[in-house]
PDB file of N, CA and C in Angstrom:
ATOM      1  N   MET A   1      36.204  33.681 -14.759  1.00  0.00           N
ATOM      2  CA  MET A   1      37.139  34.419 -14.445  1.00  0.00           C
ATOM      3  C   MET A   1      38.018  33.846 -13.013  1.00  0.00           C
ATOM      4  N   LEU A   2      39.689  34.547 -12.909  1.00  0.00           N
ATOM      5  CA  LEU A   2      40.007  34.038 -12.473  1.00  0.00           C
ATOM      6  C   LEU A   2      40.298  35.556 -11.087  1.00  0.00           C
ATOM      7  N   ARG A   3      40.619  34.203  -9.965  1.00  0.00           N
ATOM      8  CA  ARG A   3      40.658  35.926  -8.757  1.00  0.00           C
ATOM      9  C   ARG A   3      41.959  36.182  -8.884  1.00  0.00           C
ATOM     10  N   ALA A   4      42.621  37.370  -8.185  1.00  0.00           N
ATOM     11  CA  ALA A   4      43.352  38.075  -8.696  1.00  0.00           C
ATOM     12  C   ALA A   4      44.174  37.442  -8.074  1.00  0.00           C
ATOM     13  N   ALA A   5      45.794  37.737  -8.958  1.00  0.00           N
ATOM     14  CA  ALA A   5      46.917  36.811  -8.458  1.00  0.00           C
ATOM     15  C   ALA A   5      47.537  37.489  -6.730  1.00  0.00           C
ATOM     16  N   VAL A   6      46.895  38.684  -6.695  1.00  0.00           N
ATOM     17  CA  VAL A   6      47.225  39.224  -4.807  1.00  0.00           C
ATOM     18  C   VAL A   6      46.138  39.804  -4.258  1.00  0.00           C
ATOM     19  N   PRO A   7      45.876  39.321  -3.186  1.00  0.00           N
ATOM     20  CA  PRO A   7      44.390  40.094  -2.503  1.00  0.00           C
ATOM     21  C   PRO A   7      44.290  41.072  -2.448  1.00  0.00           C
ATOM     22  N   ASP A   8      43.337  41.995  -1.973  1.00  0.00           N
ATOM     23  CA  ASP A   8      43.332  43.476  -2.169  1.00  0.00           C
ATOM     24  C   ASP A   8      43.870  43.890  -0.807  1.00  0.00           C
ATOM     25  N   ASP A   9      44.284  43.276   0.068  1.00  0.00           N
ATOM     26  CA  ASP A   9      44.727  43.986   1.491  1.00  0.00           C
ATOM     27  C   ASP A   9      45.627  42.762   2.210  1.00  0.00           C
ATOM     28  N   PRO A  10      46.679  42.382   1.545  1.00  0.00           N
ATOM     29  CA  PRO A  10      47.369  41.076   2.278  1.00  0.00           C
ATOM     30  C   PRO A  10      47.423  41.443   3.197  1.00  0.00           C
ATOM     31  N   PRO A  11      48.050  41.717   4.265  1.00  0.00           N
ATOM     32  CA  PRO A  11      47.895  42.587   5.763  1.00  0.00           C
ATOM     33  C   PRO A  11      47.429  41.319   6.412  1.00  0.00           C
ATOM     34  N   ARG A  12      45.963  41.805   6.086  1.00  0.00           N
ATOM     35  CA  ARG A  12      44.136  41.368   6.771  1.00  0.00           C
ATOM     36  C   ARG A  12      44.461  39.930   5.867  1.00  0.00           C
ATOM     37  N   VAL A  13      45.122  39.416   4.952  1.00  0.00           N
ATOM     38  CA  VAL A  13      45.194  37.679   5.085  1.00  0.00           C
ATOM     39  C   VAL A  13      45.568  37.179   5.353  1.00  0.00           C
ATOM     40  N   LEU A  14      46.879  37.689   6.100  1.00  0.00           N
ATOM     41  CA  LEU A  14      47.903  36.499   6.612  1.00  0.00           C
ATOM     42  C   LEU A  14      47.721  36.759   7.883  1.00  0.00           C
ATOM     43  N   ARG A  15      47.181  38.436   8.928  1.00  0.00           N
ATOM     44  CA  ARG A  15      47.062  38.808  10.443  1.00  0.00           C
ATOM     45  C   ARG A  15      45.643  37.399  10.291  1.00  0.00           C
ATOM     46  N   GLU A  16      45.020  37.095   9.522  1.00  0.00           N
ATOM     47  CA  GLU A  16      43.289  36.384   9.737  1.00  0.00           C
ATOM     48  C   GLU A  16      43.736  34.959   9.815  1.00  0.00           C
ATOM     49  N   TRP A  17      44.338  34.748   9.036  1.00  0.00           N
ATOM     50  CA  TRP A  17      44.988  33.347   8.415  1.00  0.00           C
ATOM     51  C   TRP A  17      45.953  32.649  10.028  1.00  0.00           C
ATOM     52  N   GLY A  18      46.786  34.147  10.537  1.00  0.00           N
ATOM     53  CA  GLY A  18      47.175  33.106  12.125  1.00  0.00           C
ATOM     54  C   GLY A  18      48.437  32.280  12.210  1.00  0.00           C
ATOM     55  N   GLY A  19      48.926  31.432  10.913  1.00  0.00           N
ATOM     56  CA  GLY A  19      50.239  31.166  11.269  1.00  0.00           C
ATOM     57  C   GLY A  19      51.072  31.361  10.684  1.00  0.00           C
ATOM     58  N   PRO A  20      52.085  31.164  11.406  1.00  0.00           N
ATOM     59  CA  PRO A  20      53.871  31.870  11.185  1.00  0.00           C
ATOM     60  C   PRO A  20      53.896  32.144   9.722  1.00  0.00           C
ATOM     61  N   VAL A  21      54.445  33.586   9.332  1.00  0.00           N
ATOM     62  CA  VAL A  21      54.552  33.908   8.422  1.00  0.00           C
ATOM     63  C   VAL A  21      56.572  34.167   7.970  1.00  0.00           C
ATOM     64  N   LEU A  22      56.680  34.024   6.352  1.00  0.00           N
ATOM     65  CA  LEU A  22      58.216  34.370   6.846  1.00  0.00           C
ATOM     66  C   LEU A  22      58.404  34.711   5.299  1.00  0.00           C
ATOM     67  N   LEU A  23      58.846  36.459   5.250  1.00  0.00           N
ATOM     68  CA  LEU A  23      59.421  36.947   3.990  1.00  0.00           C
ATOM     69  C   LEU A  23      60.277  37.567   3.857  1.00  0.00           C
ATOM     70  N   VAL A  24      60.880  36.166   2.419  1.00  0.00           N
ATOM     71  CA  VAL A  24      62.198  36.279   2.370  1.00  0.00           C
ATOM     72  C   VAL A  24      62.381  37.492   0.994  1.00  0.00           C
ATOM     73  N   HIS A  25      62.925  38.312   0.547  1.00  0.00           N
ATOM     74  CA  HIS A  25      63.164  39.371  -0.145  1.00  0.00           C
ATOM     75  C   HIS A  25      64.613  39.772  -0.106  1.00  0.00           C
ATOM     76  N   GLY A  26      64.500  39.380  -1.393  1.00  0.00           N
ATOM     77  CA  GLY A  26      65.886  40.210  -2.086  1.00  0.00           C
ATOM     78  C   GLY A  26      66.104  41.561  -2.404  1.00  0.00           C
ATOM     79  N   ALA A  27      67.258  42.014  -1.406  1.00  0.00           N
ATOM     80  CA  ALA A  27      67.186  43.590  -0.981  1.00  0.00           C
ATOM     81  C   ALA A  27      68.220  44.034  -2.311  1.00  0.00           C
ATOM     82  N   ARG A  28      68.072  43.417  -3.567  1.00  0.00           N
ATOM     83  CA  ARG A  28      68.005  44.345  -4.185  1.00  0.00           C
ATOM     84  C   ARG A  28      66.915  44.676  -5.386  1.00  0.00           C
ATOM     85  N   GLU A  29      66.006  44.048  -4.792  1.00  0.00           N
ATOM     86  CA  GLU A  29      65.135  43.901  -5.982  1.00  0.00           C
ATOM     87  C   GLU A  29      64.534  44.993  -6.328  1.00  0.00           C
ATOM     88  N   MET A  30      64.048  45.452  -7.898  1.00  0.00           N
ATOM     89  CA  MET A  30      63.110  46.831  -8.187  1.00  0.00           C
ATOM     90  C   MET A  30      61.975  46.934  -7.969  1.00  0.00           C
ATOM     91  N   GLY A  31      62.091  45.505  -8.625  1.00  0.00           N
ATOM     92  CA  GLY A  31      59.797  46.127  -9.505  1.00  0.00           C
ATOM     93  C   GLY A  31      59.503  46.219  -7.960  1.00  0.00           C
ATOM     94  N   PHE A  32      59.472  45.433  -6.841  1.00  0.00           N
ATOM     95  CA  PHE A  32      58.888  45.673  -5.078  1.00  0.00           C
ATOM     96  C   PHE A  32      60.189  45.246  -5.163  1.00  0.00           C
ATOM     97  N   PRO A  33      60.169  46.802  -4.888  1.00  0.00           N
ATOM     98  CA  PRO A  33      61.484  47.451  -3.245  1.00  0.00           C
ATOM     99  C   PRO A  33      61.193  46.183  -2.046  1.00  0.00           C
ATOM    100  N   VAL A  34      61.929  46.672  -1.480  1.00  0.00           N
ATOM    101  CA  VAL A  34      62.351  45.778   0.332  1.00  0.00           C
ATOM    102  C   VAL A  34      61.451  46.676   1.133  1.00  0.00           C
ATOM    103  N   GLY A  35      61.250  48.203   0.561  1.00  0.00           N
ATOM    104  CA  GLY A  35      60.415  48.464   1.505  1.00  0.00           C
ATOM    105  C   GLY A  35      59.213  48.072   1.568  1.00  0.00           C
ATOM    106  N   VAL A  36      58.387  47.893   0.320  1.00  0.00           N
ATOM    107  CA  VAL A  36      57.437  47.183   0.189  1.00  0.00           C
ATOM    108  C   VAL A  36      57.216  45.703   1.689  1.00  0.00           C
ATOM    109  N   ALA A  37      58.524  44.980   1.380  1.00  0.00           N
ATOM    110  CA  ALA A  37      58.301  43.889   2.899  1.00  0.00           C
ATOM    111  C   ALA A  37      58.060  43.890   4.158  1.00  0.00           C
ATOM    112  N   ARG A  38      59.198  45.358   3.807  1.00  0.00           N
ATOM    113  CA  ARG A  38      59.097  46.375   5.322  1.00  0.00           C
ATOM    114  C   ARG A  38      58.141  46.265   5.449  1.00  0.00           C
ATOM    115  N   ARG A  39      56.744  46.935   4.945  1.00  0.00           N
ATOM    116  CA  ARG A  39      55.854  47.526   5.385  1.00  0.00           C
ATOM    117  C   ARG A  39      54.795  46.226   5.941  1.00  0.00           C
ATOM    118  N   LEU A  40      55.023  45.734   4.937  1.00  0.00           N
ATOM    119  CA  LEU A  40      53.892  44.225   5.263  1.00  0.00           C
ATOM    120  C   LEU A  40      54.777  43.664   6.807  1.00  0.00           C
ATOM    121  N   HIS A  41      55.732  43.755   7.098  1.00  0.00           N
ATOM    122  CA  HIS A  41      56.848  42.720   7.990  1.00  0.00           C
ATOM    123  C   HIS A  41      55.978  43.047   9.839  1.00  0.00           C
ATOM    124  N   ALA A  42      55.889  45.065   9.015  1.00  0.00           N
ATOM    125  CA  ALA A  42      55.552  45.336  10.508  1.00  0.00           C
ATOM    126  C   ALA A  42      54.329  45.425  10.348  1.00  0.00           C
ATOM    127  N   GLU A  43      53.288  45.374   9.454  1.00  0.00           N
ATOM    128  CA  GLU A  43      51.725  44.951   9.620  1.00  0.00           C
ATOM    129  C   GLU A  43      51.335  43.807   9.586  1.00  0.00           C
ATOM    130  N   VAL A  44      51.748  42.619   9.781  1.00  0.00           N
ATOM    131  CA  VAL A  44      51.802  41.858   9.887  1.00  0.00           C
ATOM    132  C   VAL A  44      52.374  40.674  11.386  1.00  0.00           C
ATOM    133  N   GLN A  45      51.886  41.104  12.620  1.00  0.00           N
ATOM    134  CA  GLN A  45      52.567  40.775  13.625  1.00  0.00           C
ATOM    135  C   GLN A  45      53.292  39.344  13.652  1.00  0.00           C
ATOM    136  N   GLY A  46      54.216  39.244  14.640  1.00  0.00           N
ATOM    137  CA  GLY A  46      54.907  37.490  14.412  1.00  0.00           C
ATOM    138  C   GLY A  46      55.593  37.770  13.650  1.00  0.00           C
ATOM    139  N   SER A  47      55.371  38.639  12.415  1.00  0.00           N
ATOM    140  CA  SER A  47      56.117  37.885  10.840  1.00  0.00           C
ATOM    141  C   SER A  47      57.876  37.333  11.008  1.00  0.00           C
ATOM    142  N   THR A  48      58.183  37.180  10.016  1.00  0.00           N
ATOM    143  CA  THR A  48      59.727  37.557  10.221  1.00  0.00           C
ATOM    144  C   THR A  48      60.244  37.441   8.847  1.00  0.00           C
ATOM    145  N   LEU A  49      60.811  38.915   9.004  1.00  0.00           N
ATOM    146  CA  LEU A  49      61.233  38.920   7.509  1.00  0.00           C
ATOM    147  C   LEU A  49      62.901  38.998   7.496  1.00  0.00           C
ATOM    148  N   VAL A  50      63.316  38.466   6.432  1.00  0.00           N
ATOM    149  CA  VAL A  50      64.700  38.244   5.990  1.00  0.00           C
ATOM    150  C   VAL A  50      64.973  38.903   4.498  1.00  0.00           C
ATOM    151  N   GLU A  51      66.135  39.863   4.490  1.00  0.00           N
ATOM    152  CA  GLU A  51      66.779  40.413   3.315  1.00  0.00           C
ATOM    153  C   GLU A  51      67.796  39.801   2.920  1.00  0.00           C
ATOM    154  N   GLY A  52      67.438  39.744   1.525  1.00  0.00           N
ATOM    155  CA  GLY A  52      68.655  39.246   1.544  1.00  0.00           C
ATOM    156  C   GLY A  52      69.942  39.972   0.196  1.00  0.00           C
ATOM    157  N   PRO A  53      70.643  40.722   1.087  1.00  0.00           N
ATOM    158  CA  PRO A  53      71.792  41.747   0.655  1.00  0.00           C
ATOM    159  C   PRO A  53      72.341  40.994  -0.624  1.00  0.00           C
ATOM    160  N   GLU A  54      72.641  40.287  -1.497  1.00  0.00           N
ATOM    161  CA  GLU A  54      73.080  39.477  -2.790  1.00  0.00           C
ATOM    162  C   GLU A  54      72.000  38.859  -3.391  1.00  0.00           C
ATOM    163  N   ALA A  55      70.698  39.894  -3.116  1.00  0.00           N
ATOM    164  CA  ALA A  55      69.250  39.071  -3.658  1.00  0.00           C
ATOM    165  C   ALA A  55      68.740  40.001  -4.199  1.00  0.00           C
ATOM    166  N   ALA A  56      68.534  39.517  -5.874  1.00  0.00           N
ATOM    167  CA  ALA A  56      66.854  40.804  -6.282  1.00  0.00           C
ATOM    168  C   ALA A  56      65.611  39.875  -6.382  1.00  0.00           C
ATOM    169  N   HIS A  57      64.839  39.924  -7.546  1.00  0.00           N
ATOM    170  CA  HIS A  57      63.714  38.696  -7.458  1.00  0.00           C
ATOM    171  C   HIS A  57      63.451  37.643  -6.952  1.00  0.00           C
ATOM    172  N   MET A  58      64.446  36.536  -7.910  1.00  0.00           N
ATOM    173  CA  MET A  58      65.048  35.378  -7.834  1.00  0.00           C
ATOM    174  C   MET A  58      66.054  35.647  -6.516  1.00  0.00           C
ATOM    175  N   ALA A  59      65.255  35.728  -5.611  1.00  0.00           N
ATOM    176  CA  ALA A  59      66.724  35.502  -4.105  1.00  0.00           C
ATOM    177  C   ALA A  59      67.000  33.557  -4.604  1.00  0.00           C
ATOM    178  N   HIS A  60      65.964  33.016  -4.826  1.00  0.00           N
ATOM    179  CA  HIS A  60      66.012  31.855  -4.793  1.00  0.00           C
ATOM    180  C   HIS A  60      67.657  31.140  -5.632  1.00  0.00           C
ATOM    181  N   PHE A  61      67.495  31.913  -6.679  1.00  0.00           N
ATOM    182  CA  PHE A  61      68.450  31.645  -7.697  1.00  0.00           C
ATOM    183  C   PHE A  61      69.634  32.645  -7.250  1.00  0.00           C
ATOM    184  N   ASP A  62      69.214  33.576  -6.968  1.00  0.00           N
ATOM    185  CA  ASP A  62      70.474  35.170  -7.235  1.00  0.00           C
ATOM    186  C   ASP A  62      71.713  34.664  -5.444  1.00  0.00           C
ATOM    187  N   ASN A  63      70.908  33.985  -4.724  1.00  0.00           N
ATOM    188  CA  ASN A  63      71.970  33.982  -3.592  1.00  0.00           C
ATOM    189  C   ASN A  63      70.922  31.903  -2.607  1.00  0.00           C
ATOM    190  N   PRO A  64      70.675  31.278  -3.440  1.00  0.00           N
ATOM    191  CA  PRO A  64      70.518  30.272  -2.535  1.00  0.00           C
ATOM    192  C   PRO A  64      70.753  29.742  -1.462  1.00  0.00           C
ATOM    193  N   SER A  65      72.395  29.842  -0.782  1.00  0.00           N
ATOM    194  CA  SER A  65      72.570  29.103   0.549  1.00  0.00           C
ATOM    195  C   SER A  65      71.772  30.087   1.631  1.00  0.00           C
ATOM    196  N   GLY A  66      71.413  31.645   0.931  1.00  0.00           N
ATOM    197  CA  GLY A  66      70.916  32.369   1.681  1.00  0.00           C
ATOM    198  C   GLY A  66      70.042  32.410   2.070  1.00  0.00           C
ATOM    199  N   TRP A  67      68.829  31.596   0.836  1.00  0.00           N
ATOM    200  CA  TRP A  67      67.259  31.622   0.775  1.00  0.00           C
ATOM    201  C   TRP A  67      67.279  30.409   1.868  1.00  0.00           C
ATOM    202  N   LEU A  68      68.045  28.888   1.231  1.00  0.00           N
ATOM    203  CA  LEU A  68      67.818  28.198   2.001  1.00  0.00           C
ATOM    204  C   LEU A  68      67.419  28.693   3.981  1.00  0.00           C
ATOM    205  N   GLY A  69      68.999  29.146   4.012  1.00  0.00           N
ATOM    206  CA  GLY A  69      69.370  29.665   5.597  1.00  0.00           C
ATOM    207  C   GLY A  69      68.058  29.974   6.125  1.00  0.00           C
ATOM    208  N   ALA A  70      67.914  30.957   5.572  1.00  0.00           N
ATOM    209  CA  ALA A  70      66.831  31.585   6.045  1.00  0.00           C
ATOM    210  C   ALA A  70      65.446  30.280   6.872  1.00  0.00           C
ATOM    211  N   ILE A  71      64.892  30.223   5.375  1.00  0.00           N
ATOM    212  CA  ILE A  71      64.272  28.983   5.327  1.00  0.00           C
ATOM    213  C   ILE A  71      64.139  27.976   6.424  1.00  0.00           C
ATOM    214  N   ARG A  72      65.603  27.378   6.335  1.00  0.00           N
ATOM    215  CA  ARG A  72      65.766  26.366   7.270  1.00  0.00           C
ATOM    216  C   ARG A  72      65.794  26.895   9.148  1.00  0.00           C
ATOM    217  N   ALA A  73      66.110  28.441   9.028  1.00  0.00           N
ATOM    218  CA  ALA A  73      66.685  29.372   9.772  1.00  0.00           C
ATOM    219  C   ALA A  73      64.675  28.662  10.459  1.00  0.00           C
ATOM    220  N   PHE A  74      63.689  29.747  10.318  1.00  0.00           N
ATOM    221  CA  PHE A  74      62.893  29.744  10.665  1.00  0.00           C
ATOM    222  C   PHE A  74      61.706  28.626  10.537  1.00  0.00           C
ATOM    223  N   LEU A  75      62.330  27.006   9.853  1.00  0.00           N
ATOM    224  CA  LEU A  75      61.279  26.272  10.115  1.00  0.00           C
ATOM    225  C   LEU A  75      62.102  25.277  12.151  1.00  0.00           C
ATOM    226  N   ARG A  76      63.085  26.087  12.295  1.00  0.00           N
ATOM    227  CA  ARG A  76      63.640  25.203  13.698  1.00  0.00           C
ATOM    228  C   ARG A  76      63.004  25.699  14.446  1.00  0.00           C
ATOM    229  N   THR A  77      62.446  27.204  13.925  1.00  0.00           N
ATOM    230  CA  THR A  77      61.840  27.744  15.365  1.00  0.00           C
ATOM    231  C   THR A  77      60.005  27.796  15.919  1.00  0.00           C
ATOM    232  N   ARG A  78      59.777  26.711  14.635  1.00  0.00           N
ATOM    233  CA  ARG A  78      58.393  26.562  14.544  1.00  0.00           C
ATOM    234  C   ARG A  78      58.358  24.627  15.265  1.00  0.00           C
TER     235      ARG A  78
END
């Protein structure tokens, strides 16, 4: 039996982990709207949310320079 792909309570899992959390989300995402990422960000203290204005579900393909820039900036702060 496989575990579910998503935990029952993602914010709790991330809070309990306690490490740095970067959320990179395409602002044009329709299946998983940006509002969901904003709520997760609000529920996980200290998390970082970057919204890619020119990206949807595949942000790393839609806007690779923005996606990589977000990751690089995040890693520089760690």
